[in-house]
Amino acid sequence: MKILQQLRIPLYLSVFAIVFASCSSTGELAQNSTSEPETEPTTEDTVTEASEELAPTEDWHLLAPTADPYYGTGVELAYEELLMNKQPRKEVIVAIIDSGTDIEHEDLADNIWVNEDEIAGNGIDDDGNGYVDDIHGWNFIGGPDGSHVVEDTYEVTRIYASMRDDFEGLNPADLNEEELAEFNYYEEIKADFMAERNEVQTVLQNITGFEQAIMGSKRVFGVTHIDSVSAADLESDPNDTPLKAQAKQVLNYVKEVGLTEEDLQEAKEQYQTLAEFGMNPDFDPRPIVGDDYEDLSNRYYGNNDVAGPRSDHGTHVAGIVGAIRKNNVGMDGIADVKLMILRTVPMGDERDKDVANAIRYAAENGADIMNMSFGKGYSPQKAYVDAAIRYADSLGVLMIHGAGNDGANIDTTDNFPTRTYLSGGTATNFMDIGASSWEEGEALPAVFSNYGASNVDLFAPGVAIYSTYPNNEYKANDGTSMAAPVVSGIAALIMSYYPDLTATQVKEILMDSSTKPEVQIVNQPGSGEEAVLVPFSELSISGGVVNAFEALKMADQLSDY
């Protein structure tokens, strides 16, 4: 389901909400959740021994692939053994094309790109690039008055809305061949739109029901927060009433998957937003931007507020690439880089025009790498995006894109943008990245990750990745949105120390040096509880997980430095 790709919530929430809707434990408990208990929560540590053994460390993705049980990237080992006595030879610029980034974050501020050719706040386009006061990048979904697009529709919603008035209610028998082809396409779009809207509504109902079940469970235990219930409290007891047994079932599951009440509330808000805006064909926020959206030649719109009103996703992505290292604050990014911020992704699907213009801006203003942690199932102006990708490719910019979170094979399922042009041919310096977990063996690929033997280049850590969050906070997130910046960071690390290598060479190094797991048979992502076992080598072109240590060794051999 494409709409899950940009949700800023743990990806398992949409799954367990559906699973729990069919459990007998939720109904009666929900009916008993009408009031809050009076008991105050305690600070007791309720993490079980099993979860302590399995929980990844906050820096697991930086550890060596051999650091049992973590399947990391070897970033720290590379710094310790390969780069200790070396200095970076180039300041690499990584464009974060995303939802916006908190550029004042304590662990990011010093690594934010500054356009030295622009004078801040003078209202003049000093460098003549078409963007006034673009000090740290640009916001393509902002208005000239400083306002912002926060929510937007999904692409399937927009296409459905654009065709609905012309095709709804037509009789196919009355149409000529050309009209019939368009009508049939409309029927496909309508079916897809209705299916996704129904799924959003179903998941929202299930999350609400599960939220009520948790409230009922807390009432049974007489607590105000689930953290007040210990593992011992949840042990099975033959003397339990049916209601107590059901409460234990609910809370045991909550603790098993690591859910917090805050996660659940965030999930509910996300799906409410989807229902109200993303899947609403009558909602159109584009007038805020003030451009003529149909005029693709109009590139110069928006504003210079690169943080925007909601920068959680982009801040998390930026930190993975380039949070300040070894400052004893928060967490360590992968590389010391400059982060060019391009706000392009709303709460909904990014628009092709904005994506294309962000890519062009990054390429024209010196970005070496673009990180694109977004995706969608339709691309009506793909030719315009293709032209921008072709331009960036010609300049040798490495474009790194998250493969998506549908558990789907993108060799047979669309996930845009893509390396393949409508007119034929492919972009050389474009990479699609799948997400790996921190576990070895069959669970190595993340259950949600897209894959593809022809279209996914390699996998990278994308589960429980700890990074920066707005307002000097930090949080762990899941997604190929996290895997892509892991690769972007490692690519930037290579370019920093070996600037003579081209983007194409860096891509080849990342692929060739990737770790091939010892246990090759793994769970196919998206195959559900009855997992389908497949060779890991069939899930991507390289058949491996990115390995910074081996990549830097290979770069050293290929470089003239």
Protein backbone atom coordinates (compact mmCIF):
# COMPACT_ATOMS: atom_id res chain seq x y z
CA MET A 1 0.00 0.00 0.00
CA LYS A 2 1.79 3.15 -1.23
CA ILE A 3 0.26 5.44 1.36
CA LEU A 4 2.31 3.74 4.08
CA GLN A 5 5.61 4.89 2.60
CA GLN A 6 5.67 8.31 4.26
CA LEU A 7 3.85 7.58 7.51
CA ARG A 8 5.95 8.80 10.41
CA ILE A 9 4.94 5.88 12.66
CA PRO A 10 6.26 2.38 13.35
CA LEU A 11 5.26 0.37 10.30
CA TYR A 12 3.94 -2.59 12.27
CA LEU A 13 1.06 -0.48 13.63
CA SER A 14 -1.05 -0.81 10.51
CA VAL A 15 -0.53 -4.58 10.61
CA PHE A 16 -1.30 -5.28 14.25
CA ALA A 17 -4.34 -2.99 14.14
CA ILE A 18 -5.89 -5.30 11.58
CA VAL A 19 -4.79 -8.45 13.38
CA PHE A 20 -6.21 -7.33 16.68
CA ALA A 21 -9.52 -6.32 15.16
CA SER A 22 -10.38 -10.03 14.94
CA CYS A 23 -9.28 -10.87 18.48
CA SER A 24 -11.94 -11.54 21.08
CA SER A 25 -9.85 -9.67 23.64
CA THR A 26 -10.60 -6.23 22.19
CA GLY A 27 -14.37 -6.07 22.18
CA GLU A 28 -15.22 -6.59 25.84
CA LEU A 29 -12.19 -4.62 27.02
CA ALA A 30 -13.17 -1.68 24.82
CA GLN A 31 -16.59 -1.69 26.44
CA ASN A 32 -14.91 -1.43 29.84
CA SER A 33 -12.71 1.53 28.93
CA THR A 34 -15.12 4.37 29.66
CA SER A 35 -13.16 5.86 32.56
CA GLU A 36 -9.54 6.22 33.60
CA PRO A 37 -8.20 4.42 36.71
CA GLU A 38 -7.14 6.40 39.72
CA THR A 39 -3.82 4.66 40.38
CA GLU A 40 -0.73 6.65 39.41
CA PRO A 41 1.88 5.03 37.15
CA THR A 42 5.15 3.83 38.61
CA THR A 43 8.66 4.05 37.22
CA GLU A 44 9.22 0.31 37.37
CA ASP A 45 11.31 -1.11 34.52
CA THR A 46 9.05 -3.63 32.82
CA VAL A 47 11.33 -4.75 29.99
CA THR A 48 11.51 -8.52 29.93
CA GLU A 49 14.74 -10.50 29.72
CA ALA A 50 13.83 -11.69 26.25
CA SER A 51 13.29 -8.17 24.92
CA GLU A 52 16.58 -7.04 26.50
CA GLU A 53 18.39 -9.77 24.59
CA LEU A 54 16.72 -8.88 21.30
CA ALA A 55 16.54 -5.09 21.43
CA PRO A 56 19.10 -3.41 19.16
CA THR A 57 21.42 -0.72 20.47
CA GLU A 58 20.89 2.85 19.34
CA ASP A 59 23.99 2.69 17.13
CA TRP A 60 23.53 -0.83 15.79
CA HIS A 61 23.54 0.30 12.16
CA LEU A 62 27.07 1.70 12.65
CA LEU A 63 28.49 -1.50 14.11
CA ALA A 64 30.37 -4.19 12.20
CA PRO A 65 28.44 -6.91 10.36
CA THR A 66 30.17 -9.40 12.66
CA ALA A 67 29.06 -7.69 15.91
CA ASP A 68 26.68 -10.46 16.93
CA PRO A 69 23.73 -10.32 16.74
CA TYR A 70 23.73 -7.02 14.86
CA TYR A 71 24.07 -6.86 11.10
CA GLY A 72 25.52 -3.36 10.87
CA THR A 73 27.58 -1.50 8.29
CA GLY A 74 31.03 -1.24 9.85
CA VAL A 75 31.06 2.58 9.88
CA GLU A 76 32.74 2.88 13.28
CA LEU A 77 35.25 0.16 12.43
CA ALA A 78 36.14 2.08 9.28
CA TYR A 79 36.81 5.24 11.26
CA GLU A 80 38.91 3.33 13.79
CA GLU A 81 40.99 1.23 11.41
CA LEU A 82 40.94 2.88 7.98
CA LEU A 83 40.45 6.61 8.49
CA MET A 84 42.15 7.24 11.82
CA ASN A 85 45.19 9.00 10.37
CA LYS A 86 43.49 10.48 7.31
CA GLN A 87 41.70 13.76 6.73
CA PRO A 88 38.74 14.35 4.39
CA ARG A 89 39.84 15.87 1.10
CA LYS A 90 36.47 17.30 0.09
CA GLU A 91 33.42 18.83 1.76
CA VAL A 92 30.58 16.75 0.35
CA ILE A 93 27.10 18.24 -0.05
CA VAL A 94 24.14 15.92 0.44
CA ALA A 95 20.72 17.21 -0.59
CA ILE A 96 17.94 16.01 1.72
CA ILE A 97 14.84 16.10 -0.47
CA ASP A 98 12.18 15.48 2.12
CA SER A 99 9.56 17.00 4.42
CA GLY A 100 11.84 19.73 5.75
CA THR A 101 14.56 19.62 8.40
CA ASP A 102 15.04 21.30 11.76
CA ILE A 103 18.15 23.23 10.80
CA GLU A 104 18.58 24.55 14.36
CA HIS A 105 18.78 21.08 15.91
CA GLU A 106 21.70 20.79 18.33
CA ASP A 107 23.13 17.81 16.43
CA LEU A 108 22.60 19.21 12.92
CA ALA A 109 23.01 23.00 12.93
CA ASP A 110 26.76 23.07 12.26
CA ASN A 111 26.41 20.67 9.34
CA ILE A 112 23.65 22.53 7.49
CA TRP A 113 24.71 23.78 4.05
CA VAL A 114 25.05 27.53 3.64
CA ASN A 115 24.77 29.18 0.24
CA GLU A 116 27.78 31.46 0.47
CA ASP A 117 26.74 33.38 -2.66
CA GLU A 118 23.48 34.56 -1.09
CA ILE A 119 23.12 37.37 1.47
CA ALA A 120 20.60 36.34 4.11
CA GLY A 121 17.45 38.38 4.50
CA ASN A 122 18.04 41.11 1.93
CA GLY A 123 15.18 40.01 -0.33
CA ILE A 124 17.47 39.82 -3.35
CA ASP A 125 18.47 36.84 -5.48
CA ASP A 126 22.17 37.59 -5.02
CA ASP A 127 23.51 34.52 -6.82
CA GLY A 128 21.01 34.76 -9.68
CA ASN A 129 19.81 31.17 -9.37
CA GLY A 130 16.13 32.18 -9.34
CA TYR A 131 15.57 31.69 -5.60
CA VAL A 132 15.59 34.67 -3.24
CA ASP A 133 17.43 34.24 0.07
CA ASP A 134 17.93 30.50 -0.41
CA ILE A 135 20.48 30.30 2.38
CA HIS A 136 20.08 26.62 3.30
CA GLY A 137 18.10 25.28 0.34
CA TRP A 138 14.49 25.80 -0.71
CA ASN A 139 10.90 24.97 0.18
CA PHE A 140 8.92 23.94 -2.91
CA ILE A 141 5.67 23.47 -0.99
CA GLY A 142 5.54 26.87 0.65
CA GLY A 143 3.70 30.04 -0.31
CA PRO A 144 5.25 33.42 -1.12
CA ASP A 145 3.66 34.82 2.04
CA GLY A 146 5.51 32.28 4.22
CA SER A 147 2.60 29.85 4.49
CA HIS A 148 2.98 26.12 3.92
CA VAL A 149 1.35 23.07 2.44
CA VAL A 150 1.20 20.66 5.37
CA GLU A 151 -1.30 18.04 4.22
CA ASP A 152 -1.84 17.07 0.61
CA THR A 153 -3.67 14.35 -1.25
CA TYR A 154 -2.18 11.14 -2.57
CA GLU A 155 -1.44 10.89 -6.27
CA VAL A 156 -4.14 8.29 -6.88
CA THR A 157 -6.60 10.67 -5.20
CA ARG A 158 -5.54 13.54 -7.46
CA ILE A 159 -5.83 11.46 -10.62
CA TYR A 160 -9.23 10.16 -9.56
CA ALA A 161 -10.43 13.69 -8.79
CA SER A 162 -9.18 15.00 -12.15
CA MET A 163 -11.06 12.30 -14.10
CA ARG A 164 -14.18 11.84 -11.98
CA ASP A 165 -16.36 14.54 -13.52
CA ASP A 166 -15.57 13.49 -17.07
CA PHE A 167 -16.00 9.73 -16.73
CA GLU A 168 -18.25 8.88 -13.80
CA GLY A 169 -21.54 7.39 -14.99
CA LEU A 170 -20.59 7.03 -18.64
CA ASN A 171 -21.82 4.02 -20.59
CA PRO A 172 -18.83 2.21 -22.17
CA ALA A 173 -21.01 1.22 -25.12
CA ASP A 174 -21.33 4.88 -26.10
CA LEU A 175 -17.59 5.50 -26.30
CA ASN A 176 -15.20 5.33 -29.23
CA GLU A 177 -11.95 3.39 -29.01
CA GLU A 178 -9.87 6.27 -27.63
CA GLU A 179 -12.53 7.31 -25.13
CA LEU A 180 -12.98 3.71 -24.03
CA ALA A 181 -9.27 3.38 -23.28
CA GLU A 182 -9.41 6.49 -21.08
CA PHE A 183 -12.60 5.25 -19.42
CA ASN A 184 -10.98 1.90 -18.62
CA TYR A 185 -8.00 3.72 -17.11
CA TYR A 186 -10.39 5.77 -14.99
CA GLU A 187 -12.05 2.59 -13.77
CA GLU A 188 -8.64 1.22 -12.73
CA ILE A 189 -7.78 4.44 -10.90
CA LYS A 190 -11.17 4.49 -9.20
CA ALA A 191 -10.81 0.90 -8.03
CA ASP A 192 -7.32 1.61 -6.66
CA PHE A 193 -8.49 4.78 -4.94
CA MET A 194 -11.51 3.09 -3.37
CA ALA A 195 -9.41 0.16 -2.16
CA GLU A 196 -6.81 2.42 -0.52
CA ARG A 197 -9.44 4.69 1.02
CA ASN A 198 -11.30 1.69 2.43
CA GLU A 199 -8.06 0.33 3.88
CA VAL A 200 -7.31 3.64 5.57
CA GLN A 201 -10.77 3.73 7.09
CA THR A 202 -10.51 0.11 8.22
CA VAL A 203 -7.12 0.57 9.85
CA LEU A 204 -8.30 3.77 11.55
CA GLN A 205 -11.30 1.93 12.98
CA ASN A 206 -9.08 -0.91 14.15
CA ILE A 207 -6.55 1.43 15.76
CA THR A 208 -9.37 3.17 17.57
CA GLY A 209 -10.72 -0.19 18.76
CA PHE A 210 -7.29 -1.28 19.93
CA GLU A 211 -6.78 2.03 21.72
CA GLN A 212 -10.03 1.39 23.59
CA ALA A 213 -8.91 -2.15 24.40
CA ILE A 214 -5.71 -0.81 25.96
CA MET A 215 -7.76 1.64 28.00
CA GLY A 216 -9.92 -1.25 29.16
CA SER A 217 -6.83 -3.28 30.05
CA LYS A 218 -5.44 -0.42 32.11
CA ARG A 219 -8.75 -0.21 33.93
CA VAL A 220 -8.58 -3.94 34.72
CA PHE A 221 -5.10 -3.47 36.22
CA GLY A 222 -5.99 -0.17 37.87
CA VAL A 223 -3.20 1.87 36.26
CA THR A 224 -3.02 5.01 34.15
CA HIS A 225 -0.17 3.86 31.91
CA ILE A 226 0.83 0.48 30.50
CA ASP A 227 4.41 0.95 31.76
CA SER A 228 3.03 0.43 35.27
CA VAL A 229 2.24 -3.21 34.44
CA SER A 230 5.24 -5.49 34.95
CA ALA A 231 6.12 -8.73 33.22
CA ALA A 232 5.23 -10.60 36.42
CA ASP A 233 1.79 -8.98 36.40
CA LEU A 234 1.20 -10.38 32.92
CA GLU A 235 2.04 -14.00 33.65
CA SER A 236 -0.80 -16.43 33.02
CA ASP A 237 -2.86 -17.42 36.06
CA PRO A 238 -5.57 -20.14 35.98
CA ASN A 239 -7.56 -18.06 38.46
CA ASP A 240 -7.82 -15.11 36.09
CA THR A 241 -11.28 -13.98 35.09
CA PRO A 242 -11.92 -13.96 31.32
CA LEU A 243 -11.60 -10.17 31.35
CA LYS A 244 -8.25 -10.30 33.20
CA ALA A 245 -6.95 -12.95 30.78
CA GLN A 246 -7.96 -10.79 27.83
CA ALA A 247 -6.27 -7.75 29.36
CA LYS A 248 -3.07 -9.76 29.75
CA GLN A 249 -3.30 -10.89 26.13
CA VAL A 250 -3.55 -7.31 24.92
CA LEU A 251 -0.73 -5.94 27.09
CA ASN A 252 1.58 -8.90 26.44
CA TYR A 253 1.25 -8.24 22.73
CA VAL A 254 1.84 -4.51 23.23
CA LYS A 255 5.06 -5.21 25.10
CA GLU A 256 6.14 -7.93 22.68
CA VAL A 257 6.12 -5.57 19.70
CA GLY A 258 7.53 -2.65 21.69
CA LEU A 259 4.48 -0.46 21.25
CA THR A 260 4.03 2.66 23.34
CA GLU A 261 0.82 4.54 23.96
CA GLU A 262 2.46 7.51 22.29
CA ASP A 263 3.07 5.41 19.16
CA LEU A 264 -0.57 4.41 19.10
CA GLN A 265 -1.76 7.99 19.44
CA GLU A 266 0.59 9.06 16.66
CA ALA A 267 -0.71 6.26 14.45
CA LYS A 268 -4.27 7.34 15.08
CA GLU A 269 -3.45 10.92 14.16
CA GLN A 270 -1.66 9.80 11.01
CA TYR A 271 -4.60 7.75 9.77
CA GLN A 272 -7.05 10.49 10.67
CA THR A 273 -4.97 12.80 8.49
CA LEU A 274 -5.02 10.24 5.70
CA ALA A 275 -8.79 9.94 5.86
CA GLU A 276 -9.43 13.67 6.08
CA PHE A 277 -6.87 14.90 3.56
CA GLY A 278 -4.84 12.24 1.75
CA MET A 279 -7.79 10.24 0.46
CA ASN A 280 -10.17 13.21 0.06
CA PRO A 281 -10.68 13.99 -3.65
CA ASP A 282 -12.26 17.36 -2.82
CA PHE A 283 -9.20 18.64 -0.90
CA ASP A 284 -6.69 20.81 -2.79
CA PRO A 285 -4.05 22.81 -0.88
CA ARG A 286 -2.03 23.80 -3.96
CA PRO A 287 -3.34 27.39 -4.10
CA ILE A 288 -1.16 28.01 -1.03
CA VAL A 289 1.94 27.69 -3.21
CA GLY A 290 0.59 30.15 -5.75
CA ASP A 291 2.15 28.64 -8.88
CA ASP A 292 0.41 27.57 -12.05
CA TYR A 293 0.76 23.86 -11.35
CA GLU A 294 0.09 22.89 -14.96
CA ASP A 295 2.97 25.07 -16.15
CA LEU A 296 5.94 22.75 -15.68
CA SER A 297 8.34 25.39 -16.97
CA ASN A 298 7.62 27.50 -13.87
CA ARG A 299 10.40 26.47 -11.49
CA TYR A 300 10.67 29.52 -9.27
CA TYR A 301 8.00 29.34 -6.60
CA GLY A 302 7.88 28.52 -2.89
CA ASN A 303 9.84 30.12 -0.06
CA ASN A 304 13.10 29.74 1.85
CA ASP A 305 11.68 28.19 5.06
CA VAL A 306 13.31 24.77 4.72
CA ALA A 307 12.08 23.49 8.07
CA GLY A 308 8.39 24.07 7.48
CA PRO A 309 5.72 23.24 10.06
CA ARG A 310 6.42 19.50 10.24
CA SER A 311 10.01 18.40 9.82
CA ASP A 312 10.10 15.13 11.76
CA HIS A 313 10.75 12.83 8.80
CA GLY A 314 13.33 15.05 7.12
CA THR A 315 15.12 15.74 10.41
CA HIS A 316 15.39 12.01 11.12
CA VAL A 317 16.73 11.33 7.63
CA ALA A 318 19.24 14.18 7.81
CA GLY A 319 20.63 12.97 11.12
CA ILE A 320 21.34 9.49 9.79
CA VAL A 321 23.48 10.98 7.05
CA GLY A 322 25.19 13.83 8.83
CA ALA A 323 24.47 14.42 12.51
CA ILE A 324 27.60 15.89 14.09
CA ARG A 325 30.00 13.15 15.05
CA LYS A 326 31.72 12.71 18.41
CA ASN A 327 30.25 15.82 20.03
CA ASN A 328 28.85 13.89 22.99
CA VAL A 329 25.37 14.98 21.97
CA GLY A 330 22.53 12.72 20.86
CA MET A 331 23.89 10.36 18.21
CA ASP A 332 26.53 10.15 15.51
CA GLY A 333 25.82 10.61 11.83
CA ILE A 334 27.75 8.59 9.29
CA ALA A 335 29.72 11.37 7.64
CA ASP A 336 30.79 14.96 8.25
CA VAL A 337 28.94 16.62 5.37
CA LYS A 338 26.92 19.68 4.49
CA LEU A 339 23.19 19.07 4.35
CA MET A 340 21.29 20.99 1.67
CA ILE A 341 17.61 21.03 2.67
CA LEU A 342 14.88 20.85 0.03
CA ARG A 343 11.35 20.71 1.41
CA THR A 344 9.25 18.79 -1.10
CA VAL A 345 7.23 16.11 0.71
CA PRO A 346 3.95 17.00 2.49
CA MET A 347 1.72 14.77 4.59
CA GLY A 348 0.59 12.99 1.45
CA ASP A 349 2.23 12.30 -1.89
CA GLU A 350 4.94 14.58 -3.19
CA ARG A 351 4.06 16.15 -6.54
CA ASP A 352 6.11 15.42 -9.64
CA LYS A 353 6.68 19.09 -10.42
CA ASP A 354 8.18 19.72 -6.99
CA VAL A 355 10.33 16.58 -7.11
CA ALA A 356 11.73 17.54 -10.50
CA ASN A 357 12.50 21.09 -9.42
CA ALA A 358 14.13 19.94 -6.18
CA ILE A 359 16.36 17.57 -8.15
CA ARG A 360 17.32 20.39 -10.52
CA TYR A 361 18.00 22.78 -7.65
CA ALA A 362 20.27 20.26 -5.93
CA ALA A 363 22.18 19.51 -9.13
CA GLU A 364 22.60 23.17 -10.09
CA ASN A 365 23.71 24.26 -6.65
CA GLY A 366 26.49 21.76 -6.07
CA ALA A 367 24.98 18.68 -4.43
CA ASP A 368 27.15 15.58 -4.78
CA ILE A 369 24.45 13.23 -3.48
CA MET A 370 20.66 13.43 -3.29
CA ASN A 371 18.76 11.45 -0.70
CA MET A 372 15.14 10.76 -1.69
CA SER A 373 13.26 8.96 1.06
CA PHE A 374 9.84 9.11 -0.54
CA GLY A 375 7.83 7.25 -3.15
CA LYS A 376 4.42 6.71 -4.69
CA GLY A 377 2.56 4.41 -7.05
CA TYR A 378 1.63 6.92 -9.76
CA SER A 379 3.65 9.59 -11.56
CA PRO A 380 1.49 11.53 -14.04
CA GLN A 381 4.28 14.00 -14.91
CA LYS A 382 7.01 11.37 -14.96
CA ALA A 383 8.56 12.77 -18.15
CA TYR A 384 9.31 16.00 -16.26
CA VAL A 385 10.92 14.10 -13.39
CA ASP A 386 12.84 12.00 -15.91
CA ALA A 387 14.30 15.14 -17.49
CA ALA A 388 15.50 16.35 -14.09
CA ILE A 389 17.02 12.97 -13.24
CA ARG A 390 18.71 12.85 -16.64
CA TYR A 391 20.17 16.31 -15.99
CA ALA A 392 21.48 15.37 -12.54
CA ASP A 393 22.85 12.13 -13.94
CA SER A 394 24.76 14.05 -16.61
CA LEU A 395 26.42 16.12 -13.87
CA GLY A 396 27.51 13.02 -11.97
CA VAL A 397 25.21 13.43 -8.97
CA LEU A 398 24.52 10.20 -7.07
CA MET A 399 20.76 9.83 -6.48
CA ILE A 400 19.75 7.48 -3.66
CA HIS A 401 16.10 6.52 -3.29
CA GLY A 402 14.23 4.46 -0.72
CA ALA A 403 12.67 1.44 -2.41
CA GLY A 404 9.40 1.70 -0.46
CA ASN A 405 7.61 -0.01 2.39
CA ASP A 406 4.93 -2.15 0.75
CA GLY A 407 6.69 -5.51 1.02
CA ALA A 408 6.36 -5.64 -2.77
CA ASN A 409 8.50 -6.62 -5.74
CA ILE A 410 9.16 -3.35 -7.55
CA ASP A 411 10.30 -5.24 -10.61
CA THR A 412 6.57 -5.76 -11.18
CA THR A 413 5.03 -2.97 -9.04
CA ASP A 414 5.46 0.73 -9.72
CA ASN A 415 7.33 2.85 -7.17
CA PHE A 416 8.26 6.32 -8.38
CA PRO A 417 10.63 7.99 -9.04
CA THR A 418 12.55 5.35 -10.96
CA ARG A 419 15.83 5.05 -12.82
CA THR A 420 14.00 3.99 -15.99
CA TYR A 421 12.98 6.74 -18.41
CA LEU A 422 9.66 6.74 -20.26
CA SER A 423 11.59 7.37 -23.47
CA GLY A 424 13.87 4.40 -22.83
CA GLY A 425 17.17 3.92 -21.08
CA THR A 426 18.08 4.29 -17.43
CA ALA A 427 19.91 6.70 -15.15
CA THR A 428 23.43 5.49 -14.40
CA ASN A 429 23.83 7.12 -11.00
CA PHE A 430 20.49 6.16 -9.45
CA MET A 431 20.12 3.65 -6.63
CA ASP A 432 17.07 2.07 -4.98
CA ILE A 433 17.66 0.84 -1.43
CA GLY A 434 15.82 -1.89 0.48
CA ALA A 435 15.72 -2.10 4.27
CA SER A 436 17.46 -4.75 6.35
CA SER A 437 16.86 -5.53 10.00
CA TRP A 438 19.50 -5.91 12.70
CA GLU A 439 18.89 -9.66 12.91
CA GLU A 440 20.90 -12.33 11.18
CA GLY A 441 19.38 -15.29 9.42
CA GLU A 442 15.91 -15.50 7.94
CA ALA A 443 14.78 -12.22 9.51
CA LEU A 444 17.52 -10.16 7.81
CA PRO A 445 15.28 -8.34 5.29
CA ALA A 446 12.78 -6.01 6.95
CA VAL A 447 9.28 -7.43 6.70
CA PHE A 448 7.97 -4.21 5.12
CA SER A 449 10.75 -3.58 2.61
CA ASN A 450 10.21 -3.55 -1.11
CA TYR A 451 12.63 -5.66 -3.10
CA GLY A 452 13.52 -6.49 -6.69
CA ALA A 453 16.24 -8.46 -8.42
CA SER A 454 16.37 -5.86 -11.20
CA ASN A 455 15.41 -2.59 -9.53
CA VAL A 456 16.67 -2.67 -5.93
CA ASP A 457 20.44 -2.18 -5.83
CA LEU A 458 21.23 -3.27 -2.29
CA PHE A 459 19.89 -3.36 1.25
CA ALA A 460 20.86 -1.23 4.23
CA PRO A 461 19.80 -1.02 7.88
CA GLY A 462 16.25 0.33 8.11
CA VAL A 463 14.76 -1.04 11.35
CA ALA A 464 14.99 0.76 14.71
CA ILE A 465 17.34 3.43 13.36
CA TYR A 466 17.96 6.05 16.03
CA SER A 467 18.37 9.61 14.79
CA THR A 468 17.58 13.26 15.26
CA TYR A 469 14.06 14.57 15.71
CA PRO A 470 12.78 18.17 15.82
CA ASN A 471 13.33 20.35 18.89
CA ASN A 472 16.58 18.65 19.93
CA GLU A 473 14.92 15.29 20.38
CA TYR A 474 15.88 11.80 19.14
CA LYS A 475 13.84 8.80 18.10
CA ALA A 476 14.11 5.38 16.44
CA ASN A 477 12.17 4.86 13.21
CA ASP A 478 11.69 2.07 10.66
CA GLY A 479 11.55 2.23 6.88
CA THR A 480 13.44 2.30 3.62
CA SER A 481 13.34 6.03 4.39
CA MET A 482 16.00 5.19 6.98
CA ALA A 483 17.91 2.71 4.80
CA ALA A 484 18.46 5.21 1.97
CA PRO A 485 20.28 7.80 4.14
CA VAL A 486 22.49 5.05 5.56
CA VAL A 487 23.72 4.50 1.99
CA SER A 488 23.84 8.24 1.31
CA GLY A 489 26.03 8.70 4.39
CA ILE A 490 28.42 5.93 3.38
CA ALA A 491 28.59 7.27 -0.19
CA ALA A 492 29.39 10.71 1.23
CA LEU A 493 32.10 9.20 3.43
CA ILE A 494 33.75 7.65 0.38
CA MET A 495 33.51 10.88 -1.63
CA SER A 496 34.94 12.89 1.29
CA TYR A 497 38.15 10.86 1.44
CA TYR A 498 38.41 9.86 -2.22
CA PRO A 499 37.04 12.77 -4.27
CA ASP A 500 38.68 11.56 -7.46
CA LEU A 501 36.17 8.73 -7.68
CA THR A 502 33.11 9.41 -9.80
CA ALA A 503 29.53 8.87 -8.66
CA THR A 504 29.38 5.85 -10.94
CA GLN A 505 32.49 4.37 -9.33
CA VAL A 506 31.11 5.03 -5.84
CA LYS A 507 27.88 3.27 -6.77
CA GLU A 508 29.81 0.29 -8.10
CA ILE A 509 31.93 0.18 -4.95
CA LEU A 510 28.83 0.17 -2.73
CA MET A 511 27.39 -2.69 -4.72
CA ASP A 512 30.55 -4.79 -5.07
CA SER A 513 31.65 -4.43 -1.45
CA SER A 514 28.27 -5.23 0.08
CA THR A 515 28.08 -8.01 2.65
CA LYS A 516 26.67 -11.29 1.39
CA PRO A 517 25.00 -12.96 4.40
CA GLU A 518 26.11 -16.41 5.48
CA VAL A 519 22.48 -17.51 5.80
CA GLN A 520 21.24 -16.91 2.29
CA ILE A 521 17.69 -18.23 2.69
CA VAL A 522 15.52 -15.49 4.21
CA ASN A 523 11.92 -14.49 4.67
CA GLN A 524 10.55 -12.76 1.61
CA PRO A 525 9.32 -9.31 2.69
CA GLY A 526 5.56 -8.93 2.64
CA SER A 527 4.85 -12.65 2.73
CA GLY A 528 3.10 -12.48 6.11
CA GLU A 529 3.04 -14.93 9.00
CA GLU A 530 3.46 -17.94 6.73
CA ALA A 531 6.75 -16.62 5.41
CA VAL A 532 7.95 -17.55 1.95
CA LEU A 533 11.64 -18.44 2.03
CA VAL A 534 13.82 -17.10 -0.80
CA PRO A 535 17.53 -16.56 -1.42
CA PHE A 536 18.58 -13.12 -0.18
CA SER A 537 20.55 -12.78 -3.41
CA GLU A 538 17.25 -12.64 -5.33
CA LEU A 539 15.97 -9.58 -3.47
CA SER A 540 18.38 -7.08 -5.04
CA ILE A 541 20.91 -6.62 -7.82
CA SER A 542 23.93 -6.87 -5.52
CA GLY A 543 22.44 -9.49 -3.20
CA GLY A 544 24.08 -7.75 -0.26
CA VAL A 545 23.87 -5.31 2.63
CA VAL A 546 25.91 -2.10 2.42
CA ASN A 547 29.30 -2.38 4.14
CA ALA A 548 31.15 0.88 4.82
CA PHE A 549 34.35 -0.83 5.97
CA GLU A 550 34.75 -2.93 2.83
CA ALA A 551 33.61 -0.07 0.61
CA LEU A 552 36.33 2.22 1.94
CA LYS A 553 38.97 -0.48 1.50
CA MET A 554 37.88 -0.89 -2.11
CA ALA A 555 37.80 2.87 -2.65
CA ASP A 556 41.36 3.13 -1.36
CA GLN A 557 42.48 0.55 -3.90
CA LEU A 558 40.74 2.30 -6.81
CA SER A 559 41.62 5.88 -5.90
CA ASP A 560 44.76 7.68 -7.04
CA TYR A 561 45.22 9.20 -3.58
